PDB file of N, CA and C in Angstrom:
ATOM      1  N   UNK A   1       0.851  -1.161   0.000  1.00  0.00           N
ATOM      2  CA  UNK A   1       0.000   0.000   0.000  1.00  0.00           C
ATOM      3  C   UNK A   1       0.896   1.223   0.000  1.00  0.00           C
ATOM      4  N   UNK A   2       0.637   2.154  -0.907  1.00  0.00           N
ATOM      5  CA  UNK A   2       1.414   3.392  -0.956  1.00  0.00           C
ATOM      6  C   UNK A   2       0.493   4.560  -0.692  1.00  0.00           C
ATOM      7  N   UNK A   3       0.884   5.422   0.243  1.00  0.00           N
ATOM      8  CA  UNK A   3       0.145   6.651   0.499  1.00  0.00           C
ATOM      9  C   UNK A   3       1.096   7.823   0.372  1.00  0.00           C
ATOM     10  N   UNK A   4       0.581   8.929  -0.155  1.00  0.00           N
ATOM     11  CA  UNK A   4       1.377  10.141  -0.345  1.00  0.00           C
ATOM     12  C   UNK A   4       0.638  11.284   0.337  1.00  0.00           C
ATOM     13  N   UNK A   5       1.371  12.058   1.120  1.00  0.00           N
ATOM     14  CA  UNK A   5       0.760  13.179   1.821  1.00  0.00           C
ATOM     15  C   UNK A   5       1.699  14.369   1.803  1.00  0.00           C
ATOM     16  N   UNK A   6       1.143  15.557   1.645  1.00  0.00           N
ATOM     17  CA  UNK A   6       1.928  16.783   1.751  1.00  0.00           C
ATOM     18  C   UNK A   6       2.140  17.041   3.241  1.00  0.00           C
ATOM     19  N   UNK A   7       3.386  17.234   3.657  1.00  0.00           N
ATOM     20  CA  UNK A   7       3.675  17.488   5.065  1.00  0.00           C
ATOM     21  C   UNK A   7       3.965  18.953   5.320  1.00  0.00           C
ATOM     22  N   UNK A   8       4.200  19.704   4.269  1.00  0.00           N
ATOM     23  CA  UNK A   8       4.431  21.144   4.346  1.00  0.00           C
ATOM     24  C   UNK A   8       4.129  21.694   2.955  1.00  0.00           C
ATOM     25  N   UNK A   9       4.269  22.985   2.792  1.00  0.00           N
ATOM     26  CA  UNK A   9       3.950  23.604   1.500  1.00  0.00           C
ATOM     27  C   UNK A   9       4.781  23.029   0.365  1.00  0.00           C
ATOM     28  N   UNK A  10       6.000  22.596   0.653  1.00  0.00           N
ATOM     29  CA  UNK A  10       6.881  22.114  -0.411  1.00  0.00           C
ATOM     30  C   UNK A  10       7.511  20.762  -0.080  1.00  0.00           C
ATOM     31  N   UNK A  11       6.884  19.962   0.788  1.00  0.00           N
ATOM     32  CA  UNK A  11       7.419  18.653   1.171  1.00  0.00           C
ATOM     33  C   UNK A  11       6.342  17.583   1.027  1.00  0.00           C
ATOM     34  N   UNK A  12       6.802  16.371   0.711  1.00  0.00           N
ATOM     35  CA  UNK A  12       5.896  15.236   0.593  1.00  0.00           C
ATOM     36  C   UNK A  12       6.439  14.057   1.375  1.00  0.00           C
ATOM     37  N   UNK A  13       5.530  13.271   1.922  1.00  0.00           N
ATOM     38  CA  UNK A  13       5.889  12.040   2.599  1.00  0.00           C
ATOM     39  C   UNK A  13       5.210  10.889   1.861  1.00  0.00           C
ATOM     40  N   UNK A  14       6.011   9.904   1.478  1.00  0.00           N
ATOM     41  CA  UNK A  14       5.498   8.726   0.791  1.00  0.00           C
ATOM     42  C   UNK A  14       5.684   7.538   1.727  1.00  0.00           C
ATOM     43  N   UNK A  15       4.582   6.862   2.033  1.00  0.00           N
ATOM     44  CA  UNK A  15       4.612   5.721   2.946  1.00  0.00           C
ATOM     45  C   UNK A  15       4.293   4.452   2.163  1.00  0.00           C
ATOM     46  N   UNK A  16       5.264   3.518   2.117  1.00  0.00           N
ATOM     47  CA  UNK A  16       5.077   2.232   1.457  1.00  0.00           C
ATOM     48  C   UNK A  16       4.993   1.152   2.528  1.00  0.00           C
ATOM     49  N   UNK A  17       3.915   0.364   2.491  1.00  0.00           N
ATOM     50  CA  UNK A  17       3.711  -0.705   3.457  1.00  0.00           C
ATOM     51  C   UNK A  17       3.455  -2.015   2.725  1.00  0.00           C
ATOM     52  N   UNK A  18       4.096  -3.084   3.202  1.00  0.00           N
ATOM     53  CA  UNK A  18       3.852  -4.417   2.663  1.00  0.00           C
ATOM     54  C   UNK A  18       3.615  -5.368   3.826  1.00  0.00           C
ATOM     55  N   UNK A  19       2.807  -6.394   3.564  1.00  0.00           N
ATOM     56  CA  UNK A  19       2.522  -7.394   4.583  1.00  0.00           C
ATOM     57  C   UNK A  19       2.415  -8.750   3.911  1.00  0.00           C
ATOM     58  N   UNK A  20       2.721  -9.774   4.661  1.00  0.00           N
ATOM     59  CA  UNK A  20       2.647 -11.130   4.145  1.00  0.00           C
ATOM     60  C   UNK A  20       3.244 -12.085   5.156  1.00  0.00           C
ATOM     61  N   UNK A  21       3.637 -13.250   4.704  1.00  0.00           N
ATOM     62  CA  UNK A  21       4.271 -14.205   5.602  1.00  0.00           C
ATOM     63  C   UNK A  21       5.530 -14.747   4.941  1.00  0.00           C
ATOM     64  N   UNK A  22       6.485 -15.095   5.763  1.00  0.00           N
ATOM     65  CA  UNK A  22       7.747 -15.611   5.257  1.00  0.00           C
ATOM     66  C   UNK A  22       8.755 -14.502   5.040  1.00  0.00           C
ATOM     67  N   UNK A  23      10.031 -14.860   4.924  1.00  0.00           N
ATOM     68  CA  UNK A  23      11.075 -13.843   4.756  1.00  0.00           C
ATOM     69  C   UNK A  23      11.052 -13.224   3.354  1.00  0.00           C
ATOM     70  N   UNK A  24      11.176 -11.913   3.311  1.00  0.00           N
ATOM     71  CA  UNK A  24      11.194 -11.155   2.065  1.00  0.00           C
ATOM     72  C   UNK A  24      12.129  -9.966   2.209  1.00  0.00           C
ATOM     73  N   UNK A  25      12.359  -9.285   1.100  1.00  0.00           N
ATOM     74  CA  UNK A  25      13.050  -7.998   1.112  1.00  0.00           C
ATOM     75  C   UNK A  25      12.165  -7.016   0.368  1.00  0.00           C
ATOM     76  N   UNK A  26      11.765  -5.954   1.057  1.00  0.00           N
ATOM     77  CA  UNK A  26      10.987  -4.890   0.423  1.00  0.00           C
ATOM     78  C   UNK A  26      11.981  -3.893  -0.164  1.00  0.00           C
ATOM     79  N   UNK A  27      11.668  -3.388  -1.360  1.00  0.00           N
ATOM     80  CA  UNK A  27      12.566  -2.444  -2.018  1.00  0.00           C
ATOM     81  C   UNK A  27      11.771  -1.284  -2.590  1.00  0.00           C
ATOM     82  N   UNK A  28      12.200  -0.085  -2.242  1.00  0.00           N
ATOM     83  CA  UNK A  28      11.654   1.134  -2.833  1.00  0.00           C
ATOM     84  C   UNK A  28      12.750   1.715  -3.706  1.00  0.00           C
ATOM     85  N   UNK A  29      12.398   2.065  -4.928  1.00  0.00           N
ATOM     86  CA  UNK A  29      13.377   2.561  -5.891  1.00  0.00           C
ATOM     87  C   UNK A  29      12.953   3.944  -6.368  1.00  0.00           C
ATOM     88  N   UNK A  30      13.861   4.891  -6.272  1.00  0.00           N
ATOM     89  CA  UNK A  30      13.615   6.256  -6.745  1.00  0.00           C
ATOM     90  C   UNK A  30      14.590   6.563  -7.879  1.00  0.00           C
ATOM     91  N   UNK A  31      14.079   7.035  -8.997  1.00  0.00           N
ATOM     92  CA  UNK A  31      14.903   7.461 -10.123  1.00  0.00           C
ATOM     93  C   UNK A  31      14.917   8.985 -10.104  1.00  0.00           C
ATOM     94  N   UNK A  32      16.104   9.561  -9.944  1.00  0.00           N
ATOM     95  CA  UNK A  32      16.250  10.994  -9.675  1.00  0.00           C
ATOM     96  C   UNK A  32      17.120  11.671 -10.730  1.00  0.00           C
ATOM     97  N   UNK A  33      17.107  12.978 -10.719  1.00  0.00           N
ATOM     98  CA  UNK A  33      17.877  13.785 -11.666  1.00  0.00           C
ATOM     99  C   UNK A  33      19.375  13.492 -11.535  1.00  0.00           C
ATOM    100  N   UNK A  34      20.068  13.602 -12.650  1.00  0.00           N
ATOM    101  CA  UNK A  34      21.508  13.379 -12.686  1.00  0.00           C
ATOM    102  C   UNK A  34      22.216  14.665 -12.271  1.00  0.00           C
ATOM    103  N   UNK A  35      22.368  14.834 -10.966  1.00  0.00           N
ATOM    104  CA  UNK A  35      23.022  16.010 -10.397  1.00  0.00           C
ATOM    105  C   UNK A  35      24.034  15.534  -9.355  1.00  0.00           C
ATOM    106  N   UNK A  36      24.984  16.389  -8.982  1.00  0.00           N
ATOM    107  CA  UNK A  36      25.889  16.001  -7.895  1.00  0.00           C
ATOM    108  C   UNK A  36      25.082  15.681  -6.635  1.00  0.00           C
ATOM    109  N   UNK A  37      25.601  14.765  -5.814  1.00  0.00           N
ATOM    110  CA  UNK A  37      24.852  14.348  -4.632  1.00  0.00           C
ATOM    111  C   UNK A  37      25.797  13.962  -3.512  1.00  0.00           C
ATOM    112  N   UNK A  38      25.237  13.889  -2.304  1.00  0.00           N
ATOM    113  CA  UNK A  38      25.932  13.385  -1.124  1.00  0.00           C
ATOM    114  C   UNK A  38      25.021  12.361  -0.471  1.00  0.00           C
ATOM    115  N   UNK A  39      25.501  11.137  -0.316  1.00  0.00           N
ATOM    116  CA  UNK A  39      24.746  10.076   0.338  1.00  0.00           C
ATOM    117  C   UNK A  39      25.202   9.977   1.786  1.00  0.00           C
ATOM    118  N   UNK A  40      24.281  10.106   2.723  1.00  0.00           N
ATOM    119  CA  UNK A  40      24.564   9.994   4.152  1.00  0.00           C
ATOM    120  C   UNK A  40      23.813   8.777   4.677  1.00  0.00           C
ATOM    121  N   UNK A  41      24.476   7.630   4.704  1.00  0.00           N
ATOM    122  CA  UNK A  41      23.820   6.406   5.155  1.00  0.00           C
ATOM    123  C   UNK A  41      23.490   6.450   6.645  1.00  0.00           C
ATOM    124  N   UNK A  42      24.372   7.040   7.448  1.00  0.00           N
ATOM    125  CA  UNK A  42      24.109   7.132   8.889  1.00  0.00           C
ATOM    126  C   UNK A  42      22.891   8.017   9.163  1.00  0.00           C
ATOM    127  N   UNK A  43      22.728   9.068   8.378  1.00  0.00           N
ATOM    128  CA  UNK A  43      21.592   9.974   8.538  1.00  0.00           C
ATOM    129  C   UNK A  43      20.387   9.594   7.698  1.00  0.00           C
ATOM    130  N   UNK A  44      20.500   8.518   6.942  1.00  0.00           N
ATOM    131  CA  UNK A  44      19.417   8.015   6.084  1.00  0.00           C
ATOM    132  C   UNK A  44      18.845   9.091   5.160  1.00  0.00           C
ATOM    133  N   UNK A  45      19.752   9.751   4.438  1.00  0.00           N
ATOM    134  CA  UNK A  45      19.265  10.714   3.451  1.00  0.00           C
ATOM    135  C   UNK A  45      20.258  10.906   2.307  1.00  0.00           C
ATOM    136  N   UNK A  46      19.714  11.377   1.200  1.00  0.00           N
ATOM    137  CA  UNK A  46      20.479  11.711   0.006  1.00  0.00           C
ATOM    138  C   UNK A  46      20.246  13.186  -0.271  1.00  0.00           C
ATOM    139  N   UNK A  47      21.333  13.935  -0.406  1.00  0.00           N
ATOM    140  CA  UNK A  47      21.237  15.373  -0.692  1.00  0.00           C
ATOM    141  C   UNK A  47      21.594  15.581  -2.157  1.00  0.00           C
ATOM    142  N   UNK A  48      20.621  16.090  -2.913  1.00  0.00           N
ATOM    143  CA  UNK A  48      20.848  16.404  -4.322  1.00  0.00           C
ATOM    144  C   UNK A  48      21.258  17.867  -4.436  1.00  0.00           C
ATOM    145  N   UNK A  49      22.309  18.136  -5.197  1.00  0.00           N
ATOM    146  CA  UNK A  49      22.816  19.496  -5.385  1.00  0.00           C
ATOM    147  C   UNK A  49      22.285  20.034  -6.716  1.00  0.00           C
ATOM    148  N   UNK A  50      21.067  20.586  -6.715  1.00  0.00           N
ATOM    149  CA  UNK A  50      20.445  21.054  -7.947  1.00  0.00           C
ATOM    150  C   UNK A  50      20.748  22.530  -8.183  1.00  0.00           C
ATOM    151  N   UNK A  51      20.500  23.003  -9.395  1.00  0.00           N
ATOM    152  CA  UNK A  51      20.687  24.420  -9.701  1.00  0.00           C
ATOM    153  C   UNK A  51      19.732  25.298  -8.913  1.00  0.00           C
ATOM    154  N   UNK A  52      18.588  24.752  -8.530  1.00  0.00           N
ATOM    155  CA  UNK A  52      17.594  25.503  -7.752  1.00  0.00           C
ATOM    156  C   UNK A  52      17.870  25.441  -6.253  1.00  0.00           C
ATOM    157  N   UNK A  53      18.912  24.733  -5.845  1.00  0.00           N
ATOM    158  CA  UNK A  53      19.239  24.577  -4.428  1.00  0.00           C
ATOM    159  C   UNK A  53      19.239  23.106  -4.047  1.00  0.00           C
ATOM    160  N   UNK A  54      19.679  22.841  -2.843  1.00  0.00           N
ATOM    161  CA  UNK A  54      19.756  21.451  -2.373  1.00  0.00           C
ATOM    162  C   UNK A  54      18.361  20.879  -2.141  1.00  0.00           C
ATOM    163  N   UNK A  55      18.242  19.576  -2.411  1.00  0.00           N
ATOM    164  CA  UNK A  55      16.985  18.860  -2.244  1.00  0.00           C
ATOM    165  C   UNK A  55      17.287  17.570  -1.486  1.00  0.00           C
ATOM    166  N   UNK A  56      16.465  17.246  -0.505  1.00  0.00           N
ATOM    167  CA  UNK A  56      16.717  16.104   0.369  1.00  0.00           C
ATOM    168  C   UNK A  56      15.703  14.987   0.108  1.00  0.00           C
ATOM    169  N   UNK A  57      16.215  13.771  -0.039  1.00  0.00           N
ATOM    170  CA  UNK A  57      15.391  12.569  -0.056  1.00  0.00           C
ATOM    171  C   UNK A  57      15.819  11.785   1.186  1.00  0.00           C
ATOM    172  N   UNK A  58      14.926  11.709   2.184  1.00  0.00           N
ATOM    173  CA  UNK A  58      15.238  11.032   3.444  1.00  0.00           C
ATOM    174  C   UNK A  58      14.302   9.843   3.612  1.00  0.00           C
ATOM    175  N   UNK A  59      14.758   8.819   4.334  1.00  0.00           N
ATOM    176  CA  UNK A  59      13.921   7.639   4.537  1.00  0.00           C
ATOM    177  C   UNK A  59      14.027   7.148   5.968  1.00  0.00           C
ATOM    178  N   UNK A  60      12.934   6.479   6.386  1.00  0.00           N
ATOM    179  CA  UNK A  60      12.871   5.836   7.703  1.00  0.00           C
ATOM    180  C   UNK A  60      12.352   4.423   7.480  1.00  0.00           C
ATOM    181  N   UNK A  61      13.130   3.450   7.924  1.00  0.00           N
ATOM    182  CA  UNK A  61      12.734   2.046   7.844  1.00  0.00           C
ATOM    183  C   UNK A  61      13.677   1.238   8.722  1.00  0.00           C
ATOM    184  N   UNK A  62      13.131   0.425   9.588  1.00  0.00           N
ATOM    185  CA  UNK A  62      13.953  -0.381  10.489  1.00  0.00           C
ATOM    186  C   UNK A  62      14.788  -1.379   9.712  1.00  0.00           C
ATOM    187  N   UNK A  63      16.099  -1.378   9.964  1.00  0.00           N
ATOM    188  CA  UNK A  63      16.995  -2.347   9.344  1.00  0.00           C
ATOM    189  C   UNK A  63      17.267  -2.112   7.872  1.00  0.00           C
ATOM    190  N   UNK A  64      17.028  -0.900   7.391  1.00  0.00           N
ATOM    191  CA  UNK A  64      17.170  -0.637   5.955  1.00  0.00           C
ATOM    192  C   UNK A  64      18.627  -0.477   5.532  1.00  0.00           C
ATOM    193  N   UNK A  65      18.861  -0.753   4.258  1.00  0.00           N
ATOM    194  CA  UNK A  65      20.119  -0.451   3.602  1.00  0.00           C
ATOM    195  C   UNK A  65      19.772   0.360   2.356  1.00  0.00           C
ATOM    196  N   UNK A  66      20.706   1.173   1.908  1.00  0.00           N
ATOM    197  CA  UNK A  66      20.451   1.997   0.724  1.00  0.00           C
ATOM    198  C   UNK A  66      21.695   2.027  -0.147  1.00  0.00           C
ATOM    199  N   UNK A  67      21.446   2.101  -1.462  1.00  0.00           N
ATOM    200  CA  UNK A  67      22.534   2.225  -2.424  1.00  0.00           C
ATOM    201  C   UNK A  67      22.137   3.248  -3.477  1.00  0.00           C
ATOM    202  N   UNK A  68      23.144   3.862  -4.084  1.00  0.00           N
ATOM    203  CA  UNK A  68      22.935   4.791  -5.190  1.00  0.00           C
ATOM    204  C   UNK A  68      23.763   4.295  -6.360  1.00  0.00           C
ATOM    205  N   UNK A  69      23.155   4.305  -7.543  1.00  0.00           N
ATOM    206  CA  UNK A  69      23.868   3.946  -8.768  1.00  0.00           C
ATOM    207  C   UNK A  69      23.614   5.044  -9.795  1.00  0.00           C
ATOM    208  N   UNK A  70      24.619   5.279 -10.621  1.00  0.00           N
ATOM    209  CA  UNK A  70      24.487   6.255 -11.714  1.00  0.00           C
ATOM    210  C   UNK A  70      25.083   5.642 -12.971  1.00  0.00           C
ATOM    211  N   UNK A  71      24.286   5.545 -14.010  1.00  0.00           N
ATOM    212  CA  UNK A  71      24.750   5.053 -15.320  1.00  0.00           C
ATOM    213  C   UNK A  71      25.558   3.766 -15.183  1.00  0.00           C
ATOM    214  N   UNK A  72      25.004   2.792 -14.477  1.00  0.00           N
ATOM    215  CA  UNK A  72      25.677   1.522 -14.232  1.00  0.00           C
ATOM    216  C   UNK A  72      25.599   0.646 -15.484  1.00  0.00           C
ATOM    217  N   UNK A  73      26.734   0.421 -16.135  1.00  0.00           N
ATOM    218  CA  UNK A  73      26.770  -0.375 -17.359  1.00  0.00           C
ATOM    219  C   UNK A  73      26.595  -1.872 -17.089  1.00  0.00           C
ATOM    220  N   UNK A  74      26.791  -2.299 -15.842  1.00  0.00           N
ATOM    221  CA  UNK A  74      26.642  -3.712 -15.495  1.00  0.00           C
ATOM    222  C   UNK A  74      25.189  -4.081 -15.159  1.00  0.00           C
ATOM    223  N   UNK A  75      24.326  -3.083 -15.027  1.00  0.00           N
ATOM    224  CA  UNK A  75      22.919  -3.336 -14.725  1.00  0.00           C
ATOM    225  C   UNK A  75      22.078  -2.281 -15.440  1.00  0.00           C
ATOM    226  N   UNK A  76      20.810  -2.241 -15.125  1.00  0.00           N
ATOM    227  CA  UNK A  76      19.928  -1.225 -15.705  1.00  0.00           C
ATOM    228  C   UNK A  76      19.737  -0.046 -14.768  1.00  0.00           C
ATOM    229  N   UNK A  77      20.418  -0.065 -13.648  1.00  0.00           N
ATOM    230  CA  UNK A  77      20.248   1.016 -12.673  1.00  0.00           C
ATOM    231  C   UNK A  77      20.964   2.278 -13.127  1.00  0.00           C
ATOM    232  N   UNK A  78      20.323   3.406 -12.826  1.00  0.00           N
ATOM    233  CA  UNK A  78      20.946   4.689 -13.082  1.00  0.00           C
ATOM    234  C   UNK A  78      20.803   5.188 -14.500  1.00  0.00           C
ATOM    235  N   UNK A  79      19.729   4.777 -15.159  1.00  0.00           N
ATOM    236  CA  UNK A  79      19.466   5.227 -16.525  1.00  0.00           C
ATOM    237  C   UNK A  79      18.005   5.628 -16.656  1.00  0.00           C
ATOM    238  N   UNK A  80      17.729   6.575 -17.538  1.00  0.00           N
ATOM    239  CA  UNK A  80      16.359   6.888 -17.925  1.00  0.00           C
ATOM    240  C   UNK A  80      16.347   7.101 -19.426  1.00  0.00           C
ATOM    241  N   UNK A  81      15.173   7.048 -20.015  1.00  0.00           N
ATOM    242  CA  UNK A  81      15.067   7.140 -21.463  1.00  0.00           C
ATOM    243  C   UNK A  81      14.256   8.368 -21.858  1.00  0.00           C
ATOM    244  N   UNK A  82      14.931   9.422 -22.327  1.00  0.00           N
ATOM    245  CA  UNK A  82      14.200  10.613 -22.760  1.00  0.00           C
ATOM    246  C   UNK A  82      13.435  10.384 -24.065  1.00  0.00           C
ATOM    247  N   UNK A  83      13.917   9.459 -24.882  1.00  0.00           N
ATOM    248  CA  UNK A  83      13.294   9.114 -26.165  1.00  0.00           C
ATOM    249  C   UNK A  83      13.482   7.630 -26.401  1.00  0.00           C
ATOM    250  N   UNK A  84      12.683   7.073 -27.286  1.00  0.00           N
ATOM    251  CA  UNK A  84      12.808   5.665 -27.642  1.00  0.00           C
ATOM    252  C   UNK A  84      14.232   5.384 -28.118  1.00  0.00           C
ATOM    253  N   UNK A  85      14.822   4.290 -27.620  1.00  0.00           N
ATOM    254  CA  UNK A  85      16.156   3.837 -27.996  1.00  0.00           C
ATOM    255  C   UNK A  85      17.254   4.819 -27.578  1.00  0.00           C
ATOM    256  N   UNK A  86      16.995   5.610 -26.547  1.00  0.00           N
ATOM    257  CA  UNK A  86      17.974   6.541 -25.999  1.00  0.00           C
ATOM    258  C   UNK A  86      18.141   6.239 -24.514  1.00  0.00           C
ATOM    259  N   UNK A  87      19.337   6.385 -24.010  1.00  0.00           N
ATOM    260  CA  UNK A  87      19.592   6.208 -22.583  1.00  0.00           C
ATOM    261  C   UNK A  87      20.416   7.379 -22.087  1.00  0.00           C
ATOM    262  N   UNK A  88      20.013   7.936 -20.955  1.00  0.00           N
ATOM    263  CA  UNK A  88      20.725   9.048 -20.348  1.00  0.00           C
ATOM    264  C   UNK A  88      20.949   8.729 -18.868  1.00  0.00           C
ATOM    265  N   UNK A  89      22.060   9.192 -18.287  1.00  0.00           N
ATOM    266  CA  UNK A  89      22.323   8.912 -16.874  1.00  0.00           C
ATOM    267  C   UNK A  89      21.262   9.529 -15.954  1.00  0.00           C
ATOM    268  N   UNK A  90      21.040   8.851 -14.858  1.00  0.00           N
ATOM    269  CA  UNK A  90      20.163   9.313 -13.792  1.00  0.00           C
ATOM    270  C   UNK A  90      20.712   8.746 -12.487  1.00  0.00           C
ATOM    271  N   UNK A  91      20.199   9.228 -11.370  1.00  0.00           N
ATOM    272  CA  UNK A  91      20.564   8.650 -10.079  1.00  0.00           C
ATOM    273  C   UNK A  91      19.489   7.660  -9.677  1.00  0.00           C
ATOM    274  N   UNK A  92      19.907   6.479  -9.289  1.00  0.00           N
ATOM    275  CA  UNK A  92      18.996   5.428  -8.841  1.00  0.00           C
ATOM    276  C   UNK A  92      19.238   5.196  -7.359  1.00  0.00           C
ATOM    277  N   UNK A  93      18.255   5.538  -6.531  1.00  0.00           N
ATOM    278  CA  UNK A  93      18.322   5.302  -5.088  1.00  0.00           C
ATOM    279  C   UNK A  93      17.438   4.104  -4.764  1.00  0.00           C
ATOM    280  N   UNK A  94      18.035   3.058  -4.213  1.00  0.00           N
ATOM    281  CA  UNK A  94      17.287   1.873  -3.806  1.00  0.00           C
ATOM    282  C   UNK A  94      17.390   1.726  -2.296  1.00  0.00           C
ATOM    283  N   UNK A  95      16.233   1.592  -1.642  1.00  0.00           N
ATOM    284  CA  UNK A  95      16.156   1.398  -0.196  1.00  0.00           C
ATOM    285  C   UNK A  95      15.544   0.021   0.024  1.00  0.00           C
ATOM    286  N   UNK A  96      16.260  -0.847   0.751  1.00  0.00           N
ATOM    287  CA  UNK A  96      15.793  -2.208   0.975  1.00  0.00           C
ATOM    288  C   UNK A  96      15.645  -2.503   2.460  1.00  0.00           C
ATOM    289  N   UNK A  97      14.589  -3.280   2.779  1.00  0.00           N
ATOM    290  CA  UNK A  97      14.296  -3.649   4.160  1.00  0.00           C
ATOM    291  C   UNK A  97      13.939  -5.133   4.215  1.00  0.00           C
ATOM    292  N   UNK A  98      14.647  -5.932   5.032  1.00  0.00           N
ATOM    293  CA  UNK A  98      14.236  -7.325   5.207  1.00  0.00           C
ATOM    294  C   UNK A  98      13.017  -7.369   6.128  1.00  0.00           C
ATOM    295  N   UNK A  99      12.095  -8.290   5.837  1.00  0.00           N
ATOM    296  CA  UNK A  99      10.905  -8.399   6.675  1.00  0.00           C
ATOM    297  C   UNK A  99      10.335  -9.805   6.604  1.00  0.00           C
ATOM    298  N   UNK A 100       9.535 -10.148   7.610  1.00  0.00           N
ATOM    299  CA  UNK A 100       8.898 -11.455   7.653  1.00  0.00           C
ATOM    300  C   UNK A 100       7.374 -11.346   7.607  1.00  0.00           C
ATOM    301  N   UNK A 101       6.799 -10.367   8.267  1.00  0.00           N
ATOM    302  CA  UNK A 101       5.344 -10.227   8.274  1.00  0.00           C
ATOM    303  C   UNK A 101       4.871  -8.856   7.809  1.00  0.00           C
ATOM    304  N   UNK A 102       5.673  -7.834   8.064  1.00  0.00           N
ATOM    305  CA  UNK A 102       5.262  -6.472   7.710  1.00  0.00           C
ATOM    306  C   UNK A 102       6.497  -5.585   7.601  1.00  0.00           C
ATOM    307  N   UNK A 103       6.461  -4.654   6.661  1.00  0.00           N
ATOM    308  CA  UNK A 103       7.536  -3.666   6.531  1.00  0.00           C
ATOM    309  C   UNK A 103       6.929  -2.331   6.141  1.00  0.00           C
ATOM    310  N   UNK A 104       7.601  -1.279   6.556  1.00  0.00           N
ATOM    311  CA  UNK A 104       7.164   0.072   6.218  1.00  0.00           C
ATOM    312  C   UNK A 104       8.396   0.901   5.881  1.00  0.00           C
ATOM    313  N   UNK A 105       8.337   1.579   4.745  1.00  0.00           N
ATOM    314  CA  UNK A 105       9.403   2.504   4.354  1.00  0.00           C
ATOM    315  C   UNK A 105       8.738   3.856   4.145  1.00  0.00           C
ATOM    316  N   UNK A 106       9.219   4.852   4.878  1.00  0.00           N
ATOM    317  CA  UNK A 106       8.684   6.206   4.765  1.00  0.00           C
ATOM    318  C   UNK A 106       9.760   7.071   4.130  1.00  0.00           C
ATOM    319  N   UNK A 107       9.427   7.687   3.004  1.00  0.00           N
ATOM    320  CA  UNK A 107      10.361   8.555   2.292  1.00  0.00           C
ATOM    321  C   UNK A 107       9.820   9.977   2.318  1.00  0.00           C
ATOM    322  N   UNK A 108      10.680  10.913   2.671  1.00  0.00           N
ATOM    323  CA  UNK A 108      10.317  12.326   2.678  1.00  0.00           C
ATOM    324  C   UNK A 108      11.135  13.029   1.610  1.00  0.00           C
ATOM    325  N   UNK A 109      10.464  13.818   0.780  1.00  0.00           N
ATOM    326  CA  UNK A 109      11.116  14.568  -0.301  1.00  0.00           C
ATOM    327  C   UNK A 109      10.843  16.044  -0.086  1.00  0.00           C
ATOM    328  N   UNK A 110      11.935  16.839   0.033  1.00  0.00           N
ATOM    329  CA  UNK A 110      11.754  18.258   0.314  1.00  0.00           C
ATOM    330  C   UNK A 110      13.029  19.063   0.039  1.00  0.00           C
ATOM    331  N   UNK A 111      12.851  20.349  -0.245  1.00  0.00           N
ATOM    332  CA  UNK A 111      14.028  21.217  -0.378  1.00  0.00           C
ATOM    333  C   UNK A 111      14.763  21.274   0.958  1.00  0.00           C
ATOM    334  N   UNK A 112      16.074  21.426   0.893  1.00  0.00           N
ATOM    335  CA  UNK A 112      16.864  21.538   2.122  1.00  0.00           C
ATOM    336  C   UNK A 112      16.533  22.853   2.816  1.00  0.00           C
ATOM    337  N   UNK A 113      16.568  22.819   4.122  1.00  0.00           N
ATOM    338  CA  UNK A 113      16.265  24.021   4.926  1.00  0.00           C
ATOM    339  C   UNK A 113      17.408  25.002   4.882  1.00  0.00           C
TER     340      UNK A 113
END
């Protein structure tokens, strides 16, 4: 189940919830603009350095791991297609959470303060 809510005039919170039985890994994937960035795994956020100012993608999930890929030639991560048969670099943020019965990943997207 995915819910999206505005938390401020220029911020959004996206809540992804999954439930079931048995061991699984939940994964949320964000495809973002190809701009300079800083990944802070301890702080659970990615800071995008855009021309309009810094933008933060932050997440909350128990036991989560996160990776960023850009134009990865060994996989399909970090690419977007502006036109048919065209590939351009992008930032791919993947957040993964192991779970057995229920998992929740909350992502907040907002300009930096």
